[in-house]
C-alpha atoms as a PDB file:
ATOM      1  CA  MET A   1     -20.889   8.421  -3.393  1.00  0.00           C
ATOM      2  CA  SER A   2     -18.778   9.230  -0.322  1.00  0.00           C
ATOM      3  CA  ALA A   3     -16.530   6.771   1.491  1.00  0.00           C
ATOM      4  CA  GLY A   4     -18.878   6.879   4.478  1.00  0.00           C
ATOM      5  CA  GLU A   5     -21.867   5.979   2.358  1.00  0.00           C
ATOM      6  CA  THR A   6     -19.982   3.147   0.717  1.00  0.00           C
ATOM      7  CA  PHE A   7     -18.793   1.822   4.071  1.00  0.00           C
ATOM      8  CA  ALA A   8     -22.289   2.003   5.534  1.00  0.00           C
ATOM      9  CA  GLY A   9     -23.875   0.379   2.518  1.00  0.00           C
ATOM     10  CA  GLN A  10     -21.397  -2.456   2.204  1.00  0.00           C
ATOM     11  CA  MET A  11     -19.760  -3.155   5.555  1.00  0.00           C
ATOM     12  CA  LEU A  12     -22.341  -2.111   8.100  1.00  0.00           C
ATOM     13  CA  ALA A  13     -25.124  -3.795   6.147  1.00  0.00           C
ATOM     14  CA  ALA A  14     -23.296  -7.144   5.983  1.00  0.00           C
ATOM     15  CA  ALA A  15     -24.999 -10.029   7.726  1.00  0.00           C
ATOM     16  CA  THR A  16     -23.852 -13.512   8.684  1.00  0.00           C
ATOM     17  CA  ASP A  17     -24.903 -14.816   5.282  1.00  0.00           C
ATOM     18  CA  HIS A  18     -21.950 -12.838   3.909  1.00  0.00           C
ATOM     19  CA  LEU A  19     -19.499 -14.929   5.946  1.00  0.00           C
ATOM     20  CA  LEU A  20     -17.785 -18.166   5.061  1.00  0.00           C
ATOM     21  CA  GLU A  21     -16.460 -20.572   7.647  1.00  0.00           C
ATOM     22  CA  LEU A  22     -13.080 -21.674   6.350  1.00  0.00           C
ATOM     23  CA  ASP A  23     -11.550 -25.093   6.671  1.00  0.00           C
ATOM     24  CA  GLN A  24      -7.779 -25.608   6.662  1.00  0.00           C
ATOM     25  CA  HIS A  25      -7.674 -26.028   2.883  1.00  0.00           C
ATOM     26  CA  ASP A  26      -9.487 -22.697   2.368  1.00  0.00           C
ATOM     27  CA  LYS A  27      -7.118 -20.952   4.769  1.00  0.00           C
ATOM     28  CA  GLU A  28      -4.116 -22.319   2.857  1.00  0.00           C
ATOM     29  CA  ARG A  29      -5.545 -21.090  -0.436  1.00  0.00           C
ATOM     30  CA  ILE A  30      -6.083 -17.586   0.942  1.00  0.00           C
ATOM     31  CA  PHE A  31      -2.617 -17.487   2.484  1.00  0.00           C
ATOM     32  CA  ASN A  32      -1.041 -18.564  -0.790  1.00  0.00           C
ATOM     33  CA  LEU A  33      -2.720 -15.682  -2.624  1.00  0.00           C
ATOM     34  CA  GLY A  34      -0.393 -13.397  -0.698  1.00  0.00           C
ATOM     35  CA  TYR A  35       2.669 -14.896  -2.397  1.00  0.00           C
ATOM     36  CA  PHE A  36       2.182 -12.798  -5.515  1.00  0.00           C
ATOM     37  CA  THR A  37       1.700  -9.592  -3.555  1.00  0.00           C
ATOM     38  CA  TRP A  38       4.422 -10.007  -0.958  1.00  0.00           C
ATOM     39  CA  VAL A  39       7.119 -12.070  -2.650  1.00  0.00           C
ATOM     40  CA  GLU A  40       6.786 -11.209  -6.321  1.00  0.00           C
ATOM     41  CA  GLN A  41       5.640  -7.581  -6.063  1.00  0.00           C
ATOM     42  CA  GLN A  42       7.073  -6.385  -2.741  1.00  0.00           C
ATOM     43  CA  GLY A  43      10.262  -8.469  -2.789  1.00  0.00           C
ATOM     44  CA  VAL A  44       9.727 -10.113   0.598  1.00  0.00           C
ATOM     45  CA  ASP A  45      11.990 -13.118   1.092  1.00  0.00           C
ATOM     46  CA  VAL A  46      10.122 -16.433   0.716  1.00  0.00           C
ATOM     47  CA  ALA A  47      11.213 -17.555   4.191  1.00  0.00           C
ATOM     48  CA  ASP A  48       9.886 -14.312   5.703  1.00  0.00           C
ATOM     49  CA  PHE A  49       6.629 -14.738   3.820  1.00  0.00           C
ATOM     50  CA  ARG A  50       6.212 -18.307   5.058  1.00  0.00           C
ATOM     51  CA  ALA A  51       6.907 -17.200   8.629  1.00  0.00           C
ATOM     52  CA  ARG A  52       3.649 -15.214   8.482  1.00  0.00           C
ATOM     53  CA  LYS A  53       1.763 -18.480   8.370  1.00  0.00           C
ATOM     54  CA  HIS A  54       2.423 -19.109  12.046  1.00  0.00           C
ATOM     55  CA  GLN A  55       0.816 -17.338  14.988  1.00  0.00           C
ATOM     56  CA  ARG A  56       4.201 -16.827  16.654  1.00  0.00           C
ATOM     57  CA  PHE A  57       5.053 -14.335  13.876  1.00  0.00           C
ATOM     58  CA  TRP A  58       1.951 -12.250  14.556  1.00  0.00           C
ATOM     59  CA  ARG A  59       2.318 -12.485  18.330  1.00  0.00           C
ATOM     60  CA  GLY A  60       5.938 -11.383  17.985  1.00  0.00           C
ATOM     61  CA  LEU A  61       4.809  -8.158  16.329  1.00  0.00           C
ATOM     62  CA  ARG A  62       3.269  -7.062  19.612  1.00  0.00           C
ATOM     63  CA  GLU A  63       6.765  -6.407  20.959  1.00  0.00           C
ATOM     64  CA  ILE A  64       7.482  -3.747  18.331  1.00  0.00           C
ATOM     65  CA  VAL A  65       4.157  -1.906  18.412  1.00  0.00           C
ATOM     66  CA  PRO A  66       5.506   0.718  20.852  1.00  0.00           C
ATOM     67  CA  ALA A  67       8.392   1.432  18.451  1.00  0.00           C
ATOM     68  CA  TRP A  68       5.945   1.807  15.548  1.00  0.00           C
ATOM     69  CA  ASP A  69       3.815   4.168  17.637  1.00  0.00           C
ATOM     70  CA  ALA A  70       6.898   6.266  18.430  1.00  0.00           C
ATOM     71  CA  MET A  71       7.834   6.414  14.741  1.00  0.00           C
ATOM     72  CA  ILE A  72       4.306   7.501  13.808  1.00  0.00           C
ATOM     73  CA  GLU A  73       4.320  10.193  16.479  1.00  0.00           C
ATOM     74  CA  ALA A  74       7.726  11.438  15.293  1.00  0.00           C
ATOM     75  CA  PHE A  75       6.535  11.526  11.682  1.00  0.00           C
ATOM     76  CA  ASN A  76       3.401  13.417  12.637  1.00  0.00           C
ATOM     77  CA  ALA A  77       5.423  15.910  14.653  1.00  0.00           C
ATOM     78  CA  GLU A  78       7.947  16.462  11.829  1.00  0.00           C
ATOM     79  CA  THR A  79       5.368  16.879   9.106  1.00  0.00           C
ATOM     80  CA  GLY A  80       2.650  18.659  11.043  1.00  0.00           C
ATOM     81  CA  ALA A  81       0.252  15.962   9.813  1.00  0.00           C
ATOM     82  CA  LEU A  82      -2.032  16.443  12.809  1.00  0.00           C
ATOM     83  CA  ALA A  83      -1.896  20.232  12.889  1.00  0.00           C
ATOM     84  CA  ALA A  84      -5.242  20.529  11.098  1.00  0.00           C
ATOM     85  CA  TRP A  85      -6.928  18.264  13.637  1.00  0.00           C
END
């Protein structure tokens, strides 16, 4: 099965009965699942991980998006990653 078929069959076919409205407790549980991935596996500092809990962290990322875009463009230019497109 191709990725497109899988996406269409699973994501595009999803309906509202596949959604769960989360309360604060559920949101905390989901956030805490990230501890293993980010802190224990990726070595992110606990304070940096906890900062992600607040909207100001995510809003602050908007300031560096142009720098990320420039880095992606530079990488693509250096590697020829888009040459085939």
